[in-house]
Amino acid sequence: MISLSPWEWVTERFIEKQFGLIAPLFQEIAFDKEVPILDLHEALSDWERNITEARAYVAQVIEHIWESMPALMARLPRIQGTPRSFKP
């Protein structure tokens, strides 16, 4: 059994520990930049008390991902099957 924090279960770290694979970040695939899109709890530590700001942040992330689809689709064929997707 793997010992992970609650947040690690949904991260690259979980995939790497569980399956021995490295999962690239969205920004890395779409723009070749290793810049994460922060999870809500990382971007807003008080998100539970500030629902308006939390919703605005989530909407901003969704908008960014949506607007990034052309870049992602253009790069995706070059990413599939690259060594990054194999065991480290």
PDB file of N, CA and C in Angstrom:
ATOM      1  N   MET A   1       0.842  -1.193   0.000  1.00  0.00           N
ATOM      2  CA  MET A   1       0.000   0.000   0.000  1.00  0.00           C
ATOM      3  C   MET A   1       0.879   1.245   0.000  1.00  0.00           C
ATOM      4  N   ILE A   2       0.541   2.177  -0.847  1.00  0.00           N
ATOM      5  CA  ILE A   2       1.299   3.417  -0.968  1.00  0.00           C
ATOM      6  C   ILE A   2       0.803   4.420   0.067  1.00  0.00           C
ATOM      7  N   SER A   3       1.733   5.099   0.718  1.00  0.00           N
ATOM      8  CA  SER A   3       1.372   6.113   1.702  1.00  0.00           C
ATOM      9  C   SER A   3       1.455   7.491   1.052  1.00  0.00           C
ATOM     10  N   LEU A   4       0.300   8.108   0.851  1.00  0.00           N
ATOM     11  CA  LEU A   4       0.235   9.429   0.228  1.00  0.00           C
ATOM     12  C   LEU A   4      -0.701  10.331   1.011  1.00  0.00           C
ATOM     13  N   SER A   5      -0.418  11.621   0.960  1.00  0.00           N
ATOM     14  CA  SER A   5      -1.322  12.586   1.575  1.00  0.00           C
ATOM     15  C   SER A   5      -2.599  12.655   0.739  1.00  0.00           C
ATOM     16  N   PRO A   6      -3.678  13.217   1.295  1.00  0.00           N
ATOM     17  CA  PRO A   6      -4.923  13.317   0.519  1.00  0.00           C
ATOM     18  C   PRO A   6      -4.750  14.034  -0.810  1.00  0.00           C
ATOM     19  N   TRP A   7      -3.928  15.076  -0.852  1.00  0.00           N
ATOM     20  CA  TRP A   7      -3.757  15.823  -2.100  1.00  0.00           C
ATOM     21  C   TRP A   7      -2.910  15.062  -3.105  1.00  0.00           C
ATOM     22  N   GLU A   8      -2.022  14.207  -2.632  1.00  0.00           N
ATOM     23  CA  GLU A   8      -1.153  13.472  -3.550  1.00  0.00           C
ATOM     24  C   GLU A   8      -1.910  12.421  -4.356  1.00  0.00           C
ATOM     25  N   TRP A   9      -3.078  12.014  -3.895  1.00  0.00           N
ATOM     26  CA  TRP A   9      -3.826  10.989  -4.616  1.00  0.00           C
ATOM     27  C   TRP A   9      -4.246  11.459  -6.000  1.00  0.00           C
ATOM     28  N   VAL A  10      -4.318  12.749  -6.211  1.00  0.00           N
ATOM     29  CA  VAL A  10      -4.771  13.265  -7.503  1.00  0.00           C
ATOM     30  C   VAL A  10      -3.668  14.035  -8.221  1.00  0.00           C
ATOM     31  N   THR A  11      -2.446  13.692  -7.958  1.00  0.00           N
ATOM     32  CA  THR A  11      -1.334  14.436  -8.535  1.00  0.00           C
ATOM     33  C   THR A  11      -0.430  13.547  -9.366  1.00  0.00           C
ATOM     34  N   GLU A  12       0.508  14.208 -10.002  1.00  0.00           N
ATOM     35  CA  GLU A  12       1.546  13.493 -10.747  1.00  0.00           C
ATOM     36  C   GLU A  12       2.262  12.494  -9.843  1.00  0.00           C
ATOM     37  N   ARG A  13       2.452  12.890  -8.605  1.00  0.00           N
ATOM     38  CA  ARG A  13       3.183  12.044  -7.655  1.00  0.00           C
ATOM     39  C   ARG A  13       2.486  10.695  -7.468  1.00  0.00           C
ATOM     40  N   PHE A  14       1.171  10.713  -7.384  1.00  0.00           N
ATOM     41  CA  PHE A  14       0.421   9.467  -7.259  1.00  0.00           C
ATOM     42  C   PHE A  14       0.653   8.586  -8.478  1.00  0.00           C
ATOM     43  N   ILE A  15       0.553   9.167  -9.645  1.00  0.00           N
ATOM     44  CA  ILE A  15       0.729   8.395 -10.883  1.00  0.00           C
ATOM     45  C   ILE A  15       2.135   7.802 -10.930  1.00  0.00           C
ATOM     46  N   GLU A  16       3.111   8.604 -10.547  1.00  0.00           N
ATOM     47  CA  GLU A  16       4.487   8.114 -10.563  1.00  0.00           C
ATOM     48  C   GLU A  16       4.687   6.990  -9.551  1.00  0.00           C
ATOM     49  N   LYS A  17       4.170   7.170  -8.329  1.00  0.00           N
ATOM     50  CA  LYS A  17       4.330   6.137  -7.302  1.00  0.00           C
ATOM     51  C   LYS A  17       3.530   4.879  -7.632  1.00  0.00           C
ATOM     52  N   GLN A  18       2.308   5.054  -8.089  1.00  0.00           N
ATOM     53  CA  GLN A  18       1.422   3.921  -8.327  1.00  0.00           C
ATOM     54  C   GLN A  18       1.798   3.133  -9.580  1.00  0.00           C
ATOM     55  N   PHE A  19       2.136   3.851 -10.652  1.00  0.00           N
ATOM     56  CA  PHE A  19       2.339   3.206 -11.940  1.00  0.00           C
ATOM     57  C   PHE A  19       3.762   3.304 -12.479  1.00  0.00           C
ATOM     58  N   GLY A  20       4.613   4.077 -11.805  1.00  0.00           N
ATOM     59  CA  GLY A  20       5.980   4.233 -12.271  1.00  0.00           C
ATOM     60  C   GLY A  20       6.083   5.066 -13.538  1.00  0.00           C
ATOM     61  N   LEU A  21       5.091   5.913 -13.774  1.00  0.00           N
ATOM     62  CA  LEU A  21       5.075   6.765 -14.961  1.00  0.00           C
ATOM     63  C   LEU A  21       5.125   8.231 -14.550  1.00  0.00           C
ATOM     64  N   ILE A  22       5.664   9.045 -15.414  1.00  0.00           N
ATOM     65  CA  ILE A  22       5.693  10.481 -15.175  1.00  0.00           C
ATOM     66  C   ILE A  22       4.603  11.114 -16.032  1.00  0.00           C
ATOM     67  N   ALA A  23       3.674  11.792 -15.389  1.00  0.00           N
ATOM     68  CA  ALA A  23       2.581  12.458 -16.100  1.00  0.00           C
ATOM     69  C   ALA A  23       2.927  13.937 -16.252  1.00  0.00           C
ATOM     70  N   PRO A  24       3.051  14.407 -17.462  1.00  0.00           N
ATOM     71  CA  PRO A  24       3.384  15.822 -17.640  1.00  0.00           C
ATOM     72  C   PRO A  24       2.224  16.729 -17.233  1.00  0.00           C
ATOM     73  N   LEU A  25       2.558  17.943 -16.857  1.00  0.00           N
ATOM     74  CA  LEU A  25       1.555  18.937 -16.523  1.00  0.00           C
ATOM     75  C   LEU A  25       0.863  19.430 -17.793  1.00  0.00           C
ATOM     76  N   PHE A  26      -0.339  19.936 -17.649  1.00  0.00           N
ATOM     77  CA  PHE A  26      -1.091  20.462 -18.786  1.00  0.00           C
ATOM     78  C   PHE A  26      -0.288  21.521 -19.535  1.00  0.00           C
ATOM     79  N   GLN A  27       0.290  22.463 -18.790  1.00  0.00           N
ATOM     80  CA  GLN A  27       1.050  23.548 -19.414  1.00  0.00           C
ATOM     81  C   GLN A  27       2.258  23.005 -20.183  1.00  0.00           C
ATOM     82  N   GLU A  28       2.816  21.928 -19.677  1.00  0.00           N
ATOM     83  CA  GLU A  28       3.976  21.326 -20.333  1.00  0.00           C
ATOM     84  C   GLU A  28       3.578  20.748 -21.691  1.00  0.00           C
ATOM     85  N   ILE A  29       2.432  20.107 -21.736  1.00  0.00           N
ATOM     86  CA  ILE A  29       1.975  19.536 -23.001  1.00  0.00           C
ATOM     87  C   ILE A  29       1.535  20.640 -23.959  1.00  0.00           C
ATOM     88  N   ALA A  30       0.744  21.576 -23.466  1.00  0.00           N
ATOM     89  CA  ALA A  30       0.178  22.605 -24.340  1.00  0.00           C
ATOM     90  C   ALA A  30       1.195  23.649 -24.788  1.00  0.00           C
ATOM     91  N   PHE A  31       2.110  24.033 -23.887  1.00  0.00           N
ATOM     92  CA  PHE A  31       3.001  25.162 -24.184  1.00  0.00           C
ATOM     93  C   PHE A  31       4.481  24.876 -23.984  1.00  0.00           C
ATOM     94  N   ASP A  32       4.825  23.637 -23.653  1.00  0.00           N
ATOM     95  CA  ASP A  32       6.209  23.261 -23.382  1.00  0.00           C
ATOM     96  C   ASP A  32       6.800  24.096 -22.244  1.00  0.00           C
ATOM     97  N   LYS A  33       5.970  24.355 -21.218  1.00  0.00           N
ATOM     98  CA  LYS A  33       6.399  25.110 -20.041  1.00  0.00           C
ATOM     99  C   LYS A  33       6.076  24.288 -18.797  1.00  0.00           C
ATOM    100  N   GLU A  34       7.036  24.133 -17.928  1.00  0.00           N
ATOM    101  CA  GLU A  34       6.798  23.402 -16.683  1.00  0.00           C
ATOM    102  C   GLU A  34       6.289  24.362 -15.613  1.00  0.00           C
ATOM    103  N   VAL A  35       5.125  24.910 -15.869  1.00  0.00           N
ATOM    104  CA  VAL A  35       4.476  25.848 -14.959  1.00  0.00           C
ATOM    105  C   VAL A  35       3.123  25.241 -14.591  1.00  0.00           C
ATOM    106  N   PRO A  36       2.910  24.939 -13.324  1.00  0.00           N
ATOM    107  CA  PRO A  36       1.648  24.302 -12.958  1.00  0.00           C
ATOM    108  C   PRO A  36       0.471  25.269 -12.970  1.00  0.00           C
ATOM    109  N   ILE A  37      -0.695  24.717 -13.172  1.00  0.00           N
ATOM    110  CA  ILE A  37      -1.929  25.441 -12.893  1.00  0.00           C
ATOM    111  C   ILE A  37      -2.255  25.048 -11.459  1.00  0.00           C
ATOM    112  N   LEU A  38      -2.239  26.010 -10.584  1.00  0.00           N
ATOM    113  CA  LEU A  38      -2.405  25.704  -9.169  1.00  0.00           C
ATOM    114  C   LEU A  38      -3.797  25.168  -8.860  1.00  0.00           C
ATOM    115  N   ASP A  39      -3.836  24.177  -7.982  1.00  0.00           N
ATOM    116  CA  ASP A  39      -5.111  23.701  -7.466  1.00  0.00           C
ATOM    117  C   ASP A  39      -5.710  24.814  -6.612  1.00  0.00           C
ATOM    118  N   LEU A  40      -6.999  24.748  -6.418  1.00  0.00           N
ATOM    119  CA  LEU A  40      -7.699  25.793  -5.674  1.00  0.00           C
ATOM    120  C   LEU A  40      -7.078  26.026  -4.302  1.00  0.00           C
ATOM    121  N   HIS A  41      -6.803  24.963  -3.575  1.00  0.00           N
ATOM    122  CA  HIS A  41      -6.243  25.120  -2.224  1.00  0.00           C
ATOM    123  C   HIS A  41      -4.831  25.702  -2.243  1.00  0.00           C
ATOM    124  N   GLU A  42      -4.126  25.548  -3.359  1.00  0.00           N
ATOM    125  CA  GLU A  42      -2.786  26.131  -3.481  1.00  0.00           C
ATOM    126  C   GLU A  42      -2.863  27.615  -3.833  1.00  0.00           C
ATOM    127  N   ALA A  43      -3.831  27.970  -4.645  1.00  0.00           N
ATOM    128  CA  ALA A  43      -3.979  29.361  -5.079  1.00  0.00           C
ATOM    129  C   ALA A  43      -4.634  30.232  -4.012  1.00  0.00           C
ATOM    130  N   LEU A  44      -5.590  29.657  -3.295  1.00  0.00           N
ATOM    131  CA  LEU A  44      -6.334  30.408  -2.277  1.00  0.00           C
ATOM    132  C   LEU A  44      -6.416  29.585  -1.002  1.00  0.00           C
ATOM    133  N   SER A  45      -5.578  29.905  -0.057  1.00  0.00           N
ATOM    134  CA  SER A  45      -5.549  29.109   1.177  1.00  0.00           C
ATOM    135  C   SER A  45      -6.863  29.200   1.958  1.00  0.00           C
ATOM    136  N   ASP A  46      -7.592  30.290   1.797  1.00  0.00           N
ATOM    137  CA  ASP A  46      -8.859  30.453   2.518  1.00  0.00           C
ATOM    138  C   ASP A  46     -10.066  30.260   1.601  1.00  0.00           C
ATOM    139  N   TRP A  47      -9.920  29.422   0.602  1.00  0.00           N
ATOM    140  CA  TRP A  47     -10.971  29.262  -0.399  1.00  0.00           C
ATOM    141  C   TRP A  47     -12.314  28.856   0.198  1.00  0.00           C
ATOM    142  N   GLU A  48     -12.306  28.101   1.273  1.00  0.00           N
ATOM    143  CA  GLU A  48     -13.564  27.661   1.883  1.00  0.00           C
ATOM    144  C   GLU A  48     -14.334  28.820   2.513  1.00  0.00           C
ATOM    145  N   ARG A  49     -13.621  29.850   2.931  1.00  0.00           N
ATOM    146  CA  ARG A  49     -14.261  31.019   3.533  1.00  0.00           C
ATOM    147  C   ARG A  49     -14.512  32.130   2.514  1.00  0.00           C
ATOM    148  N   ASN A  50     -13.925  32.001   1.351  1.00  0.00           N
ATOM    149  CA  ASN A  50     -14.053  33.031   0.332  1.00  0.00           C
ATOM    150  C   ASN A  50     -14.577  32.398  -0.960  1.00  0.00           C
ATOM    151  N   ILE A  51     -15.817  31.999  -0.922  1.00  0.00           N
ATOM    152  CA  ILE A  51     -16.419  31.266  -2.037  1.00  0.00           C
ATOM    153  C   ILE A  51     -16.452  32.094  -3.317  1.00  0.00           C
ATOM    154  N   THR A  52     -16.700  33.374  -3.213  1.00  0.00           N
ATOM    155  CA  THR A  52     -16.756  34.222  -4.408  1.00  0.00           C
ATOM    156  C   THR A  52     -15.418  34.222  -5.135  1.00  0.00           C
ATOM    157  N   GLU A  53     -14.356  34.417  -4.391  1.00  0.00           N
ATOM    158  CA  GLU A  53     -13.018  34.411  -4.991  1.00  0.00           C
ATOM    159  C   GLU A  53     -12.653  33.015  -5.496  1.00  0.00           C
ATOM    160  N   ALA A  54     -13.053  31.993  -4.763  1.00  0.00           N
ATOM    161  CA  ALA A  54     -12.777  30.616  -5.174  1.00  0.00           C
ATOM    162  C   ALA A  54     -13.465  30.304  -6.500  1.00  0.00           C
ATOM    163  N   ARG A  55     -14.720  30.691  -6.621  1.00  0.00           N
ATOM    164  CA  ARG A  55     -15.447  30.456  -7.878  1.00  0.00           C
ATOM    165  C   ARG A  55     -14.819  31.220  -9.033  1.00  0.00           C
ATOM    166  N   ALA A  56     -14.379  32.432  -8.760  1.00  0.00           N
ATOM    167  CA  ALA A  56     -13.729  33.233  -9.803  1.00  0.00           C
ATOM    168  C   ALA A  56     -12.433  32.560 -10.256  1.00  0.00           C
ATOM    169  N   TYR A  57     -11.675  32.026  -9.314  1.00  0.00           N
ATOM    170  CA  TYR A  57     -10.425  31.347  -9.667  1.00  0.00           C
ATOM    171  C   TYR A  57     -10.705  30.103 -10.506  1.00  0.00           C
ATOM    172  N   VAL A  58     -11.679  29.314 -10.083  1.00  0.00           N
ATOM    173  CA  VAL A  58     -12.028  28.100 -10.835  1.00  0.00           C
ATOM    174  C   VAL A  58     -12.485  28.469 -12.245  1.00  0.00           C
ATOM    175  N   ALA A  59     -13.294  29.504 -12.365  1.00  0.00           N
ATOM    176  CA  ALA A  59     -13.743  29.955 -13.687  1.00  0.00           C
ATOM    177  C   ALA A  59     -12.557  30.395 -14.544  1.00  0.00           C
ATOM    178  N   GLN A  60     -11.597  31.062 -13.924  1.00  0.00           N
ATOM    179  CA  GLN A  60     -10.400  31.511 -14.640  1.00  0.00           C
ATOM    180  C   GLN A  60      -9.587  30.311 -15.144  1.00  0.00           C
ATOM    181  N   VAL A  61      -9.450  29.294 -14.314  1.00  0.00           N
ATOM    182  CA  VAL A  61      -8.708  28.096 -14.712  1.00  0.00           C
ATOM    183  C   VAL A  61      -9.427  27.389 -15.865  1.00  0.00           C
ATOM    184  N   ILE A  62     -10.733  27.257 -15.748  1.00  0.00           N
ATOM    185  CA  ILE A  62     -11.507  26.621 -16.821  1.00  0.00           C
ATOM    186  C   ILE A  62     -11.353  27.400 -18.118  1.00  0.00           C
ATOM    187  N   GLU A  63     -11.442  28.712 -18.043  1.00  0.00           N
ATOM    188  CA  GLU A  63     -11.285  29.563 -19.224  1.00  0.00           C
ATOM    189  C   GLU A  63      -9.888  29.395 -19.833  1.00  0.00           C
ATOM    190  N   HIS A  64      -8.877  29.359 -18.986  1.00  0.00           N
ATOM    191  CA  HIS A  64      -7.505  29.183 -19.475  1.00  0.00           C
ATOM    192  C   HIS A  64      -7.356  27.840 -20.200  1.00  0.00           C
ATOM    193  N   ILE A  65      -7.871  26.792 -19.598  1.00  0.00           N
ATOM    194  CA  ILE A  65      -7.777  25.468 -20.224  1.00  0.00           C
ATOM    195  C   ILE A  65      -8.536  25.462 -21.550  1.00  0.00           C
ATOM    196  N   TRP A  66      -9.726  26.028 -21.556  1.00  0.00           N
ATOM    197  CA  TRP A  66     -10.527  26.085 -22.784  1.00  0.00           C
ATOM    198  C   TRP A  66      -9.785  26.849 -23.886  1.00  0.00           C
ATOM    199  N   GLU A  67      -9.249  27.997 -23.541  1.00  0.00           N
ATOM    200  CA  GLU A  67      -8.539  28.810 -24.530  1.00  0.00           C
ATOM    201  C   GLU A  67      -7.223  28.168 -24.977  1.00  0.00           C
ATOM    202  N   SER A  68      -6.716  27.238 -24.191  1.00  0.00           N
ATOM    203  CA  SER A  68      -5.458  26.563 -24.514  1.00  0.00           C
ATOM    204  C   SER A  68      -5.641  25.337 -25.401  1.00  0.00           C
ATOM    205  N   MET A  69      -6.871  24.964 -25.668  1.00  0.00           N
ATOM    206  CA  MET A  69      -7.120  23.757 -26.457  1.00  0.00           C
ATOM    207  C   MET A  69      -6.448  23.767 -27.831  1.00  0.00           C
ATOM    208  N   PRO A  70      -6.466  24.872 -28.581  1.00  0.00           N
ATOM    209  CA  PRO A  70      -5.768  24.842 -29.869  1.00  0.00           C
ATOM    210  C   PRO A  70      -4.273  24.518 -29.723  1.00  0.00           C
ATOM    211  N   ALA A  71      -3.626  25.091 -28.724  1.00  0.00           N
ATOM    212  CA  ALA A  71      -2.203  24.808 -28.499  1.00  0.00           C
ATOM    213  C   ALA A  71      -2.005  23.348 -28.097  1.00  0.00           C
ATOM    214  N   LEU A  72      -2.870  22.860 -27.234  1.00  0.00           N
ATOM    215  CA  LEU A  72      -2.782  21.464 -26.805  1.00  0.00           C
ATOM    216  C   LEU A  72      -2.963  20.522 -27.992  1.00  0.00           C
ATOM    217  N   MET A  73      -3.980  20.756 -28.778  1.00  0.00           N
ATOM    218  CA  MET A  73      -4.262  19.874 -29.913  1.00  0.00           C
ATOM    219  C   MET A  73      -3.130  19.907 -30.945  1.00  0.00           C
ATOM    220  N   ALA A  74      -2.510  21.055 -31.128  1.00  0.00           N
ATOM    221  CA  ALA A  74      -1.404  21.166 -32.080  1.00  0.00           C
ATOM    222  C   ALA A  74      -0.181  20.382 -31.611  1.00  0.00           C
ATOM    223  N   ARG A  75       0.053  20.361 -30.313  1.00  0.00           N
ATOM    224  CA  ARG A  75       1.242  19.689 -29.782  1.00  0.00           C
ATOM    225  C   ARG A  75       1.014  18.224 -29.428  1.00  0.00           C
ATOM    226  N   LEU A  76      -0.205  17.829 -29.202  1.00  0.00           N
ATOM    227  CA  LEU A  76      -0.496  16.481 -28.725  1.00  0.00           C
ATOM    228  C   LEU A  76       0.081  15.369 -29.601  1.00  0.00           C
ATOM    229  N   PRO A  77      -0.028  15.437 -30.912  1.00  0.00           N
ATOM    230  CA  PRO A  77       0.554  14.352 -31.717  1.00  0.00           C
ATOM    231  C   PRO A  77       2.060  14.189 -31.514  1.00  0.00           C
ATOM    232  N   ARG A  78       2.749  15.266 -31.205  1.00  0.00           N
ATOM    233  CA  ARG A  78       4.196  15.186 -30.981  1.00  0.00           C
ATOM    234  C   ARG A  78       4.533  14.687 -29.585  1.00  0.00           C
ATOM    235  N   ILE A  79       3.594  14.759 -28.665  1.00  0.00           N
ATOM    236  CA  ILE A  79       3.833  14.369 -27.275  1.00  0.00           C
ATOM    237  C   ILE A  79       3.588  12.880 -27.070  1.00  0.00           C
ATOM    238  N   GLN A  80       2.577  12.333 -27.692  1.00  0.00           N
ATOM    239  CA  GLN A  80       2.201  10.942 -27.474  1.00  0.00           C
ATOM    240  C   GLN A  80       3.360  10.008 -27.785  1.00  0.00           C
ATOM    241  N   GLY A  81       3.619   9.119 -26.854  1.00  0.00           N
ATOM    242  CA  GLY A  81       4.648   8.118 -27.059  1.00  0.00           C
ATOM    243  C   GLY A  81       6.071   8.608 -26.869  1.00  0.00           C
ATOM    244  N   THR A  82       6.235   9.799 -26.320  1.00  0.00           N
ATOM    245  CA  THR A  82       7.584  10.294 -26.077  1.00  0.00           C
ATOM    246  C   THR A  82       8.128   9.653 -24.807  1.00  0.00           C
ATOM    247  N   PRO A  83       9.441   9.680 -24.618  1.00  0.00           N
ATOM    248  CA  PRO A  83      10.025   9.071 -23.416  1.00  0.00           C
ATOM    249  C   PRO A  83       9.448   9.623 -22.116  1.00  0.00           C
ATOM    250  N   ARG A  84       8.916  10.833 -22.120  1.00  0.00           N
ATOM    251  CA  ARG A  84       8.346  11.429 -20.900  1.00  0.00           C
ATOM    252  C   ARG A  84       7.211  10.566 -20.360  1.00  0.00           C
ATOM    253  N   SER A  85       6.545   9.809 -21.219  1.00  0.00           N
ATOM    254  CA  SER A  85       5.415   9.011 -20.765  1.00  0.00           C
ATOM    255  C   SER A  85       5.831   7.621 -20.278  1.00  0.00           C
ATOM    256  N   PHE A  86       7.104   7.318 -20.368  1.00  0.00           N
ATOM    257  CA  PHE A  86       7.574   6.008 -19.943  1.00  0.00           C
ATOM    258  C   PHE A  86       8.116   6.048 -18.531  1.00  0.00           C
ATOM    259  N   LYS A  87       8.433   4.881 -18.018  1.00  0.00           N
ATOM    260  CA  LYS A  87       8.962   4.795 -16.658  1.00  0.00           C
ATOM    261  C   LYS A  87      10.277   5.555 -16.555  1.00  0.00           C
ATOM    262  N   PRO A  88      10.452   6.274 -15.426  1.00  0.00           N
ATOM    263  CA  PRO A  88      11.693   7.047 -15.258  1.00  0.00           C
ATOM    264  C   PRO A  88      12.902   6.146 -15.082  1.00  0.00           C
TER     265      PRO A  88
END
